[in-house]
């Protein structure tokens, strides 16, 4: 009898052997590239050239917008792409790079940008820089100067932009646009004492002036780089007059003064000009506000009350949606799994029909059926009743749960049917031998084993319903709206629909606050998912 043998450790390679192996792999990579032919290399160079050209253009545009950080990220990214595809080898990186690019653009960048916006006051009236806000305020408060000189103008076009060719009182020609102050135009051509055309530009005829009347009337051409000098504006495209703002901008003092009332507005540090009594001008600029948006969400009464109500309803909606769809789906799965039932496959096909219909279209159909005046439910099923299914706070929530039950039970029916059929029959037979009844077998054997399979799906269903935007927005639109809320939010809104409406619906759009709400939603879903998946480990011990 021989004793156990101990395997000798594998021989370690000498540094020279490892270096030789690297050189061999590099040589094989070069040989593989050479064997692919010049056509493959040509295609690669052309594709990289196109991508590089687009990247260079993007970098130049970003630099003109003072987006230095984004321009640097694009430059580093395109450099990495060129290294990956021009250097021999790196085969895994060549396959992973396209996916990583899309992951960064559509996921990572969006998340990081949302986090950045949450700490700013970005929203209606605060969308640009301070200089842009100053110019906008001066233009918005302009009035025509009484007895101002009449300036003959011709409206020109170049590269899709409109310009004014102005004849000054001393007979000189000047040209300017909305973003370009008036400047001398010595090459202008005159018809009588009026400048009518300029080489490189197209003069608009009467038909074009009529077609573009709204754009022409909205134009305000600055006299100079000093915004206090006013602008030239025209209503008929033929004669322009000087307009001067009732606000005067003092760059040295950093103040706006209303010449009609004498009120002085100063920078309040929050992206707005404010007077001594707290009144602010409508247009402001984007600034960093730190955690103010999160503080507003929990301390401002007109936001906190509706937000907490929506938060509670979101949890109730997600929990009840999962519970009701799972209960109905499991019940139908058990019924149609009975071997004594005939034609089971036809019944199962009928049960999954709602799952085959697009959810957002189903929500719109149900919206019509719940219509208070003309809906099928009120007019046909309830004999002409006028029940406000979608206008009452409580009834709108009940309607949402009913529609979501209709949409969600086929999915639960499918997964529970598969899970039940996967339970071995001998385990159930052992329960019967021990004297267990049907309910005891289901409660102590089938249901625990069923949860092992479907628990992750229940968690994902909860996360989906937590952000079920389509159903809420298509069915009720989040209404009816809270009367005491300072933000656009209603009784049937969930968090995600509230975020959408705060950011994109209505006259006052607060992207910073909406981004803060988005971060709160992310944290809530992440914490709940983490705790739920930890709990599923307990169920795995049943296997």
Protein backbone atom coordinates (compact mmCIF):
# COMPACT_ATOMS: atom_id res chain seq x y z
CA UNK A 1 0.00 0.00 0.00
CA UNK A 2 1.45 3.30 -1.05
CA UNK A 3 0.96 6.55 0.77
CA UNK A 4 -0.60 9.63 -0.79
CA UNK A 5 1.58 11.48 -3.21
CA UNK A 6 2.07 15.21 -2.95
CA UNK A 7 1.96 17.01 -6.26
CA UNK A 8 5.04 19.03 -6.93
CA UNK A 9 4.46 22.75 -7.40
CA UNK A 10 4.49 23.86 -11.02
CA UNK A 11 7.84 25.18 -12.11
CA UNK A 12 8.07 28.94 -12.07
CA UNK A 13 9.05 30.67 -15.23
CA UNK A 14 12.20 32.64 -15.27
CA UNK A 15 11.93 36.33 -16.13
CA UNK A 16 13.57 35.55 -19.45
CA UNK A 17 10.84 33.00 -20.27
CA UNK A 18 8.06 35.45 -19.43
CA UNK A 19 9.66 38.16 -21.56
CA UNK A 20 9.99 35.71 -24.43
CA UNK A 21 6.33 34.74 -24.07
CA UNK A 22 5.30 38.38 -24.22
CA UNK A 23 7.41 38.92 -27.33
CA UNK A 24 5.89 35.83 -28.91
CA UNK A 25 2.33 36.99 -28.18
CA UNK A 26 3.15 40.41 -29.58
CA UNK A 27 4.61 38.87 -32.71
CA UNK A 28 1.53 36.67 -33.11
CA UNK A 29 -0.69 39.73 -32.79
CA UNK A 30 1.28 41.57 -35.47
CA UNK A 31 1.17 38.48 -37.68
CA UNK A 32 -2.58 38.20 -37.18
CA UNK A 33 -3.05 41.85 -38.08
CA UNK A 34 -0.86 41.51 -41.15
CA UNK A 35 -2.70 38.38 -42.23
CA UNK A 36 -6.02 40.18 -42.06
CA UNK A 37 -5.02 42.16 -45.10
CA UNK A 38 -4.76 45.82 -45.95
CA UNK A 39 -8.51 46.13 -46.53
CA UNK A 40 -9.28 45.53 -42.85
CA UNK A 41 -6.71 48.11 -41.84
CA UNK A 42 -8.14 50.58 -44.35
CA UNK A 43 -11.65 50.15 -42.95
CA UNK A 44 -10.31 50.55 -39.42
CA UNK A 45 -8.42 53.75 -40.28
CA UNK A 46 -11.43 55.24 -42.10
CA UNK A 47 -13.79 54.47 -39.19
CA UNK A 48 -11.35 55.85 -36.63
CA UNK A 49 -10.83 58.93 -38.80
CA UNK A 50 -14.57 59.62 -38.88
CA UNK A 51 -14.87 59.12 -35.12
CA UNK A 52 -11.83 61.32 -34.48
CA UNK A 53 -13.22 64.08 -36.72
CA UNK A 54 -16.53 64.03 -34.86
CA UNK A 55 -14.69 64.08 -31.54
CA UNK A 56 -12.52 67.04 -32.58
CA UNK A 57 -15.62 68.94 -33.68
CA UNK A 58 -17.33 68.15 -30.37
CA UNK A 59 -14.27 69.31 -28.42
CA UNK A 60 -14.13 72.61 -30.33
CA UNK A 61 -17.84 73.24 -29.70
CA UNK A 62 -17.44 72.42 -26.01
CA UNK A 63 -14.48 74.77 -25.72
CA UNK A 64 -16.51 77.61 -27.23
CA UNK A 65 -19.16 76.91 -24.57
CA UNK A 66 -16.50 76.93 -21.81
CA UNK A 67 -17.28 73.27 -21.00
CA UNK A 68 -13.66 72.44 -20.25
CA UNK A 69 -14.34 69.36 -18.12
CA UNK A 70 -16.57 67.68 -20.69
CA UNK A 71 -14.11 68.56 -23.46
CA UNK A 72 -11.29 66.94 -21.46
CA UNK A 73 -13.38 63.80 -20.92
CA UNK A 74 -14.13 63.56 -24.65
CA UNK A 75 -10.45 64.05 -25.49
CA UNK A 76 -9.34 61.32 -23.08
CA UNK A 77 -12.06 59.00 -24.34
CA UNK A 78 -11.14 59.37 -28.00
CA UNK A 79 -7.47 58.92 -27.13
CA UNK A 80 -8.28 55.67 -25.33
CA UNK A 81 -10.34 54.44 -28.30
CA UNK A 82 -7.45 55.07 -30.70
CA UNK A 83 -5.01 53.26 -28.42
CA UNK A 84 -7.33 50.24 -28.11
CA UNK A 85 -7.94 49.84 -31.85
CA UNK A 86 -4.51 50.80 -33.19
CA UNK A 87 -2.37 48.82 -30.77
CA UNK A 88 -1.99 45.12 -31.66
CA UNK A 89 -3.53 42.76 -29.14
CA UNK A 90 -5.98 44.07 -26.53
CA UNK A 91 -8.64 41.84 -28.10
CA UNK A 92 -11.01 41.87 -25.08
CA UNK A 93 -10.84 45.67 -24.95
CA UNK A 94 -11.74 45.89 -28.65
CA UNK A 95 -14.98 44.01 -27.98
CA UNK A 96 -15.80 45.84 -24.74
CA UNK A 97 -15.09 49.40 -25.88
CA UNK A 98 -18.33 50.04 -27.87
CA UNK A 99 -20.45 48.83 -24.97
CA UNK A 100 -18.43 50.86 -22.48
CA UNK A 101 -18.86 54.00 -24.60
CA UNK A 102 -22.64 53.63 -24.69
CA UNK A 103 -22.67 52.76 -20.98
CA UNK A 104 -20.80 55.95 -20.18
CA UNK A 105 -22.86 58.20 -22.48
CA UNK A 106 -26.33 56.90 -21.63
CA UNK A 107 -25.88 55.80 -18.01
CA UNK A 108 -22.84 57.10 -16.15
CA UNK A 109 -22.82 60.58 -17.69
CA UNK A 110 -26.58 60.98 -17.16
CA UNK A 111 -26.30 59.97 -13.50
CA UNK A 112 -23.34 62.28 -12.87
CA UNK A 113 -25.04 65.17 -14.65
CA UNK A 114 -28.22 64.61 -12.64
CA UNK A 115 -26.20 64.70 -9.42
CA UNK A 116 -24.55 67.95 -10.53
CA UNK A 117 -27.88 69.59 -11.43
CA UNK A 118 -29.32 68.61 -8.02
CA UNK A 119 -26.86 71.01 -6.37
CA UNK A 120 -27.71 73.99 -8.62
CA UNK A 121 -30.74 76.25 -9.09
CA UNK A 122 -31.11 75.18 -12.73
CA UNK A 123 -34.70 75.76 -13.86
CA UNK A 124 -37.08 78.32 -15.33
CA UNK A 125 -35.41 81.72 -15.23
CA UNK A 126 -32.05 80.20 -14.25
CA UNK A 127 -30.80 78.43 -17.35
CA UNK A 128 -27.69 80.35 -18.38
CA UNK A 129 -24.87 82.60 -17.24
CA UNK A 130 -25.09 85.94 -15.46
CA UNK A 131 -24.11 87.87 -18.59
CA UNK A 132 -26.94 86.24 -20.53
CA UNK A 133 -29.35 87.05 -17.70
CA UNK A 134 -28.30 90.72 -17.74
CA UNK A 135 -28.84 90.96 -21.50
CA UNK A 136 -32.20 89.19 -21.24
CA UNK A 137 -33.40 91.54 -18.49
CA UNK A 138 -32.41 94.61 -20.47
CA UNK A 139 -34.18 93.35 -23.60
CA UNK A 140 -37.31 92.23 -21.72
CA UNK A 141 -37.76 95.67 -20.18
CA UNK A 142 -37.15 97.77 -23.28
CA UNK A 143 -39.40 100.60 -24.37
CA UNK A 144 -39.33 102.68 -27.52
CA UNK A 145 -37.54 105.99 -27.10
CA UNK A 146 -39.95 108.85 -27.70
CA UNK A 147 -39.15 110.96 -30.78
CA UNK A 148 -36.33 108.56 -31.70
CA UNK A 149 -34.94 108.75 -35.21
CA UNK A 150 -36.41 106.43 -37.85
CA UNK A 151 -33.80 104.09 -39.32
CA UNK A 152 -34.50 102.64 -42.78
CA UNK A 153 -33.70 98.92 -42.65
CA UNK A 154 -33.49 96.00 -45.03
CA UNK A 155 -33.77 92.50 -43.60
CA UNK A 156 -31.01 90.19 -44.81
CA UNK A 157 -30.39 86.48 -44.37
CA UNK A 158 -27.19 84.47 -44.20
CA UNK A 159 -26.78 80.82 -43.15
CA UNK A 160 -30.31 80.78 -41.74
CA UNK A 161 -29.79 83.85 -39.50
CA UNK A 162 -31.48 87.22 -39.94
CA UNK A 163 -29.69 90.59 -39.97
CA UNK A 164 -30.65 94.26 -40.18
CA UNK A 165 -28.93 96.40 -42.84
CA UNK A 166 -29.43 99.87 -41.35
CA UNK A 167 -29.06 103.28 -42.98
CA UNK A 168 -27.92 105.75 -40.32
CA UNK A 169 -29.08 109.41 -40.24
CA UNK A 170 -25.74 110.47 -41.75
CA UNK A 171 -26.24 108.13 -44.73
CA UNK A 172 -23.84 105.34 -43.69
CA UNK A 173 -24.70 101.62 -43.83
CA UNK A 174 -24.35 99.34 -40.82
CA UNK A 175 -25.25 95.70 -40.32
CA UNK A 176 -26.04 93.75 -37.16
CA UNK A 177 -27.87 90.72 -35.83
CA UNK A 178 -29.49 89.55 -32.64
CA UNK A 179 -26.10 88.47 -31.25
CA UNK A 180 -23.98 90.91 -33.25
CA UNK A 181 -23.95 94.67 -32.55
CA UNK A 182 -24.18 97.12 -35.43
CA UNK A 183 -20.96 97.53 -37.42
CA UNK A 184 -20.04 99.47 -40.54
CA UNK A 185 -20.89 97.86 -43.88
CA UNK A 186 -18.86 99.80 -46.48
CA UNK A 187 -19.69 97.32 -49.27
CA UNK A 188 -23.45 97.86 -48.97
CA UNK A 189 -25.37 98.66 -52.13
CA UNK A 190 -27.82 101.58 -52.09
CA UNK A 191 -31.06 102.28 -53.85
CA UNK A 192 -31.45 106.02 -53.57
CA UNK A 193 -30.59 106.96 -49.99
CA UNK A 194 -31.39 103.48 -48.60
CA UNK A 195 -28.99 100.53 -48.16
CA UNK A 196 -30.73 97.50 -49.70
CA UNK A 197 -28.19 94.70 -50.10
CA UNK A 198 -24.77 93.44 -49.11
CA UNK A 199 -22.52 90.92 -50.88
CA UNK A 200 -22.76 87.49 -49.27
CA UNK A 201 -26.25 88.14 -47.88
CA UNK A 202 -29.73 87.58 -49.29
CA UNK A 203 -32.22 90.43 -49.06
CA UNK A 204 -35.70 89.28 -48.03
CA UNK A 205 -38.45 90.30 -50.43
CA UNK A 206 -41.98 91.21 -49.35
CA UNK A 207 -43.24 87.62 -49.45
CA UNK A 208 -40.40 86.42 -47.23
CA UNK A 209 -40.95 89.33 -44.83
CA UNK A 210 -44.59 88.34 -44.46
CA UNK A 211 -43.66 84.69 -43.94
CA UNK A 212 -41.00 85.56 -41.34
CA UNK A 213 -42.88 88.46 -39.78
CA UNK A 214 -42.87 86.96 -36.29
CA UNK A 215 -39.11 86.36 -36.31
CA UNK A 216 -38.40 89.81 -37.76
CA UNK A 217 -40.61 91.54 -35.18
CA UNK A 218 -38.91 89.66 -32.35
CA UNK A 219 -35.40 90.74 -33.41
CA UNK A 220 -33.51 93.24 -31.26
CA UNK A 221 -30.19 94.34 -32.74
CA UNK A 222 -27.80 95.93 -30.19
CA UNK A 223 -26.36 99.34 -30.99
CA UNK A 224 -23.03 98.42 -29.36
CA UNK A 225 -21.40 96.04 -26.92
CA UNK A 226 -22.80 98.15 -24.07
CA UNK A 227 -26.31 96.77 -23.41
CA UNK A 228 -27.39 100.11 -21.90
CA UNK A 229 -27.20 101.71 -25.37
CA UNK A 230 -30.38 99.87 -26.35
CA UNK A 231 -31.40 98.09 -29.53
CA UNK A 232 -33.02 98.63 -32.91
CA UNK A 233 -36.38 96.95 -33.47
CA UNK A 234 -38.86 96.97 -36.32
CA UNK A 235 -42.48 95.95 -36.68
CA UNK A 236 -42.84 96.19 -40.47
CA UNK A 237 -39.37 95.15 -41.68
CA UNK A 238 -38.88 98.56 -43.30
CA UNK A 239 -38.29 101.12 -40.55
CA UNK A 240 -36.62 100.54 -37.18
CA UNK A 241 -36.60 102.61 -33.99
CA UNK A 242 -34.41 102.78 -30.94
CA UNK A 243 -35.52 100.90 -27.84
CA UNK A 244 -33.91 101.46 -24.44
CA UNK A 245 -34.42 99.38 -21.32
CA UNK A 246 -36.05 100.80 -18.21
CA UNK A 247 -33.36 98.88 -16.32
CA UNK A 248 -29.80 100.21 -16.24
CA UNK A 249 -26.94 97.80 -15.66
CA UNK A 250 -23.97 99.01 -13.61
CA UNK A 251 -21.23 96.44 -14.08
CA UNK A 252 -18.90 98.08 -11.53
CA UNK A 253 -21.50 98.14 -8.76
CA UNK A 254 -23.10 94.86 -9.93
CA UNK A 255 -26.59 96.40 -9.74
CA UNK A 256 -29.70 96.83 -11.85
CA UNK A 257 -31.60 100.11 -11.44
CA UNK A 258 -35.17 100.69 -12.59
CA UNK A 259 -35.19 104.19 -14.07
CA UNK A 260 -38.98 104.50 -13.68
CA UNK A 261 -39.19 103.63 -9.97
CA UNK A 262 -35.61 104.18 -8.81
CA UNK A 263 -35.49 100.71 -7.22
CA UNK A 264 -31.99 99.20 -7.13
CA UNK A 265 -31.59 95.44 -7.54
CA UNK A 266 -28.42 93.71 -6.35
CA UNK A 267 -27.04 90.20 -6.69
CA UNK A 268 -28.55 88.20 -3.82
CA UNK A 269 -26.07 85.32 -4.17
CA UNK A 270 -28.77 82.88 -5.28
CA UNK A 271 -28.69 83.59 -8.99
CA UNK A 272 -31.09 86.56 -9.01
CA UNK A 273 -31.21 90.33 -8.71
CA UNK A 274 -33.22 91.33 -5.62
CA UNK A 275 -34.33 94.66 -4.20
CA UNK A 276 -34.01 95.72 -0.56
CA UNK A 277 -37.54 94.49 0.19
CA UNK A 278 -36.83 91.03 -1.28
CA UNK A 279 -38.51 91.45 -4.66
CA UNK A 280 -36.56 89.63 -7.39
CA UNK A 281 -36.37 90.13 -11.13
CA UNK A 282 -37.85 87.30 -13.17
CA UNK A 283 -34.74 86.25 -15.07
CA UNK A 284 -31.73 84.93 -13.19
CA UNK A 285 -28.75 82.70 -13.82
CA UNK A 286 -27.48 79.29 -12.83
CA UNK A 287 -25.41 79.05 -9.63
CA UNK A 288 -24.26 76.39 -7.19
CA UNK A 289 -26.67 76.18 -4.24
CA UNK A 290 -25.27 73.17 -2.38
CA UNK A 291 -27.91 71.08 -0.65
CA UNK A 292 -30.64 73.74 -0.77
CA UNK A 293 -32.82 71.64 -3.07
CA UNK A 294 -32.78 68.73 -0.60
CA UNK A 295 -33.51 71.12 2.27
CA UNK A 296 -36.44 72.61 0.34
CA UNK A 297 -37.88 69.15 -0.27
CA UNK A 298 -38.15 68.47 3.47
CA UNK A 299 -38.60 71.92 5.04
CA UNK A 300 -40.76 74.03 2.70
CA UNK A 301 -44.34 73.26 3.75
CA UNK A 302 -45.85 73.68 0.29
CA UNK A 303 -43.35 71.11 -1.02
CA UNK A 304 -42.89 68.83 2.00
CA UNK A 305 -46.59 68.05 2.48
CA UNK A 306 -47.28 66.95 -1.11
CA UNK A 307 -43.90 65.21 -1.31
CA UNK A 308 -44.55 63.09 1.79
CA UNK A 309 -48.07 62.27 0.54
CA UNK A 310 -46.66 61.17 -2.80
CA UNK A 311 -43.90 59.19 -1.04
CA UNK A 312 -46.43 57.25 1.07
CA UNK A 313 -48.68 56.60 -1.93
CA UNK A 314 -45.69 55.39 -3.96
CA UNK A 315 -44.91 52.71 -1.36
CA UNK A 316 -48.58 51.77 -1.02
CA UNK A 317 -48.97 51.54 -4.79
CA UNK A 318 -45.84 49.43 -5.27
CA UNK A 319 -46.65 47.05 -2.39
CA UNK A 320 -50.32 46.59 -3.31
CA UNK A 321 -49.46 46.18 -6.98
CA UNK A 322 -47.03 43.35 -6.24
CA UNK A 323 -49.33 41.76 -3.67
CA UNK A 324 -52.50 41.82 -5.80
CA UNK A 325 -50.88 40.72 -9.06
CA UNK A 326 -48.94 37.96 -7.31
CA UNK A 327 -52.02 36.71 -5.44
CA UNK A 328 -54.21 36.61 -8.55
CA UNK A 329 -51.46 35.15 -10.72
CA UNK A 330 -50.68 32.45 -8.14
CA UNK A 331 -54.37 31.59 -7.71
CA UNK A 332 -54.87 31.16 -11.45
CA UNK A 333 -51.63 29.17 -11.74
CA UNK A 334 -52.83 26.72 -9.08
CA UNK A 335 -56.28 26.43 -10.66
CA UNK A 336 -54.97 25.79 -14.16
CA UNK A 337 -52.31 23.38 -12.89
CA UNK A 338 -54.93 20.94 -11.63
CA UNK A 339 -54.60 17.73 -13.68
CA UNK A 340 -58.36 17.26 -13.63
CA UNK A 341 -58.98 20.44 -15.64
CA UNK A 342 -59.41 20.00 -19.38
CA UNK A 343 -58.27 22.39 -22.13
CA UNK A 344 -55.82 24.06 -19.77
CA UNK A 345 -53.59 25.36 -22.54
CA UNK A 346 -56.43 27.39 -24.06
CA UNK A 347 -57.30 28.97 -20.73
CA UNK A 348 -53.65 29.82 -20.17
CA UNK A 349 -53.44 31.55 -23.55
CA UNK A 350 -56.48 33.66 -22.67
CA UNK A 351 -54.94 34.60 -19.31
CA UNK A 352 -51.79 36.07 -20.87
CA UNK A 353 -53.57 38.19 -23.50
CA UNK A 354 -53.34 41.42 -21.42
CA UNK A 355 -49.57 40.84 -21.23
CA UNK A 356 -49.35 40.83 -25.04
CA UNK A 357 -50.95 44.28 -25.37
CA UNK A 358 -48.67 47.34 -24.90
CA UNK A 359 -49.10 48.65 -21.37
CA UNK A 360 -49.30 52.34 -22.29
CA UNK A 361 -52.04 51.64 -24.83
CA UNK A 362 -53.96 49.62 -22.25
CA UNK A 363 -53.73 52.57 -19.86
CA UNK A 364 -55.18 54.90 -22.51
CA UNK A 365 -58.01 52.45 -23.23
CA UNK A 366 -58.82 52.20 -19.53
CA UNK A 367 -58.71 55.99 -19.28
CA UNK A 368 -61.49 56.17 -21.84
CA UNK A 369 -63.47 53.47 -20.06
CA UNK A 370 -63.21 55.38 -16.75
CA UNK A 371 -64.36 58.67 -18.33
CA UNK A 372 -66.92 60.28 -16.06
CA UNK A 373 -69.35 61.37 -18.79
CA UNK A 374 -68.85 58.99 -21.71
CA UNK A 375 -66.91 56.02 -20.29
CA UNK A 376 -68.06 52.42 -20.77
CA UNK A 377 -67.97 51.72 -17.04
CA UNK A 378 -70.26 54.59 -16.04
CA UNK A 379 -72.56 54.55 -19.06
CA UNK A 380 -72.95 50.80 -19.66
CA UNK A 381 -72.00 48.89 -16.54
CA UNK A 382 -73.38 51.40 -14.01
CA UNK A 383 -76.40 52.58 -15.99
CA UNK A 384 -75.40 56.17 -16.68
CA UNK A 385 -73.76 57.02 -13.35
CA UNK A 386 -71.38 59.99 -13.16
CA UNK A 387 -68.69 58.58 -10.88
CA UNK A 388 -65.46 60.67 -11.06
CA UNK A 389 -63.08 57.73 -11.28
CA UNK A 390 -60.13 59.86 -12.40
CA UNK A 391 -61.03 63.16 -10.72
CA UNK A 392 -61.46 62.04 -7.11
CA UNK A 393 -58.25 61.48 -5.07
CA UNK A 394 -59.34 58.12 -3.61
CA UNK A 395 -61.14 56.79 -6.69
CA UNK A 396 -58.21 57.68 -8.93
CA UNK A 397 -55.92 55.53 -6.77
CA UNK A 398 -58.40 52.65 -6.84
CA UNK A 399 -58.59 52.96 -10.62
CA UNK A 400 -54.81 52.80 -10.87
CA UNK A 401 -54.67 49.63 -8.76
CA UNK A 402 -57.42 47.97 -10.82
CA UNK A 403 -55.72 48.76 -14.12
CA UNK A 404 -52.33 47.65 -12.82
CA UNK A 405 -53.88 44.38 -11.64
CA UNK A 406 -55.17 43.84 -15.16
CA UNK A 407 -51.75 44.59 -16.63
CA UNK A 408 -49.64 42.70 -14.09
CA UNK A 409 -51.36 39.43 -13.23
CA UNK A 410 -50.43 37.65 -16.54
CA UNK A 411 -46.73 38.07 -15.75
CA UNK A 412 -47.17 36.65 -12.26
CA UNK A 413 -49.33 33.87 -13.71
CA UNK A 414 -46.51 32.85 -16.05
CA UNK A 415 -43.71 32.85 -13.48
CA UNK A 416 -45.73 31.11 -10.74
CA UNK A 417 -46.93 28.46 -13.20
CA UNK A 418 -43.35 27.61 -14.05
CA UNK A 419 -42.28 27.66 -10.40
CA UNK A 420 -45.14 25.36 -9.31
CA UNK A 421 -44.43 22.87 -12.07
CA UNK A 422 -40.77 22.81 -11.03
CA UNK A 423 -41.62 21.56 -7.51
CA UNK A 424 -40.96 17.77 -7.38
CA UNK A 425 -44.07 15.62 -6.93
CA UNK A 426 -42.33 13.29 -4.47
CA UNK A 427 -42.03 16.13 -1.92
CA UNK A 428 -45.76 16.73 -2.07
CA UNK A 429 -46.41 12.99 -1.92
CA UNK A 430 -44.28 12.76 1.22
CA UNK A 431 -46.48 15.43 2.79
CA UNK A 432 -49.61 13.47 1.96
CA UNK A 433 -48.11 10.32 3.47
CA UNK A 434 -47.43 12.26 6.68
CA UNK A 435 -51.10 13.20 6.81
CA UNK A 436 -50.86 16.81 5.63
CA UNK A 437 -53.92 18.33 4.00
CA UNK A 438 -54.08 20.40 0.84
CA UNK A 439 -53.72 23.70 2.71
CA UNK A 440 -50.86 22.41 4.85
CA UNK A 441 -49.01 21.11 1.79
CA UNK A 442 -49.41 24.48 0.08
CA UNK A 443 -48.48 26.53 3.14
CA UNK A 444 -45.53 24.51 4.43
CA UNK A 445 -44.16 22.91 1.25
CA UNK A 446 -45.27 24.54 -2.00
CA UNK A 447 -45.31 28.20 -0.96
CA UNK A 448 -41.83 28.30 0.68
CA UNK A 449 -40.30 26.48 -2.30
CA UNK A 450 -42.21 28.80 -4.62
CA UNK A 451 -40.79 31.88 -2.92
CA UNK A 452 -37.25 30.62 -3.44
CA UNK A 453 -37.79 30.88 -7.20
CA UNK A 454 -39.94 33.99 -7.45
CA UNK A 455 -38.56 36.19 -4.64
CA UNK A 456 -36.05 37.97 -6.93
CA UNK A 457 -38.86 38.52 -9.45
CA UNK A 458 -41.08 40.00 -6.74
CA UNK A 459 -38.29 42.39 -5.79
CA UNK A 460 -37.81 43.45 -9.41
CA UNK A 461 -41.58 43.86 -9.78
CA UNK A 462 -41.61 46.12 -6.72
CA UNK A 463 -38.80 48.24 -8.16
CA UNK A 464 -40.63 48.43 -11.51
CA UNK A 465 -43.91 49.54 -9.94
CA UNK A 466 -42.06 51.99 -7.71
CA UNK A 467 -41.18 53.81 -10.95
CA UNK A 468 -44.22 52.85 -13.07
CA UNK A 469 -44.40 56.17 -14.87
CA UNK A 470 -46.38 55.04 -17.93
CA UNK A 471 -49.41 53.82 -16.01
CA UNK A 472 -49.72 56.92 -13.82
CA UNK A 473 -49.13 59.48 -16.54
CA UNK A 474 -51.28 57.78 -19.19
CA UNK A 475 -54.21 56.96 -16.89
CA UNK A 476 -54.63 59.90 -14.51
CA UNK A 477 -51.81 62.30 -15.35
CA UNK A 478 -51.07 62.35 -11.63
CA UNK A 479 -54.27 64.27 -10.88
CA UNK A 480 -56.19 65.66 -9.22
CA UNK A 481 -53.64 68.35 -8.32
CA UNK A 482 -52.99 69.35 -4.72
CA UNK A 483 -54.45 72.82 -4.19
CA UNK A 484 -51.89 73.83 -1.55
CA UNK A 485 -48.78 72.65 -3.41
CA UNK A 486 -46.27 75.11 -4.85
CA UNK A 487 -45.09 72.46 -7.31
CA UNK A 488 -47.01 70.66 -10.04
CA UNK A 489 -48.03 67.46 -8.19
CA UNK A 490 -51.31 65.60 -7.73
CA UNK A 491 -52.94 63.03 -5.46
CA UNK A 492 -52.27 60.03 -7.72
CA UNK A 493 -48.70 60.97 -8.61
CA UNK A 494 -45.89 58.64 -7.63
CA UNK A 495 -42.35 59.89 -7.17
CA UNK A 496 -41.21 59.40 -10.74
CA UNK A 497 -44.25 61.13 -12.28
CA UNK A 498 -43.86 63.96 -9.76
CA UNK A 499 -40.22 64.38 -10.82
CA UNK A 500 -41.22 64.50 -14.48
CA UNK A 501 -43.92 67.12 -13.88
CA UNK A 502 -41.66 69.29 -11.71
CA UNK A 503 -39.01 69.24 -14.43
CA UNK A 504 -40.97 69.35 -17.68
CA UNK A 505 -44.65 70.27 -17.14
CA UNK A 506 -46.03 73.72 -16.47
CA UNK A 507 -44.63 77.22 -16.63
CA UNK A 508 -42.29 76.87 -13.63
CA UNK A 509 -39.78 74.10 -14.30
CA UNK A 510 -37.31 73.35 -11.53
CA UNK A 511 -34.66 70.96 -12.84
CA UNK A 512 -32.55 71.26 -9.70
CA UNK A 513 -35.38 70.20 -7.38
CA UNK A 514 -36.41 67.42 -9.78
CA UNK A 515 -32.84 66.09 -9.83
CA UNK A 516 -32.78 66.13 -6.03
CA UNK A 517 -36.00 64.09 -6.02
CA UNK A 518 -34.39 61.67 -8.50
CA UNK A 519 -31.46 61.09 -6.15
CA UNK A 520 -33.88 60.46 -3.28
CA UNK A 521 -35.72 57.88 -5.42
CA UNK A 522 -32.44 56.18 -6.32
CA UNK A 523 -31.41 55.91 -2.68
CA UNK A 524 -34.81 54.53 -1.64
CA UNK A 525 -34.89 51.88 -4.37
CA UNK A 526 -31.26 50.90 -3.72
CA UNK A 527 -31.82 50.49 0.03
CA UNK A 528 -35.04 48.52 -0.42
CA UNK A 529 -33.49 46.24 -3.04
CA UNK A 530 -30.44 45.62 -0.87
CA UNK A 531 -32.51 44.69 2.17
CA UNK A 532 -34.84 42.53 0.09
CA UNK A 533 -32.05 40.57 -1.55
CA UNK A 534 -30.47 40.00 1.84
CA UNK A 535 -33.77 38.58 3.02
CA UNK A 536 -33.92 36.19 0.07
CA UNK A 537 -30.79 34.45 1.37
CA UNK A 538 -32.95 33.11 4.20
CA UNK A 539 -35.24 31.49 1.64
CA UNK A 540 -32.29 29.88 -0.15
CA UNK A 541 -31.63 27.78 2.94
CA UNK A 542 -34.83 25.90 2.13
CA UNK A 543 -33.17 24.29 -0.89
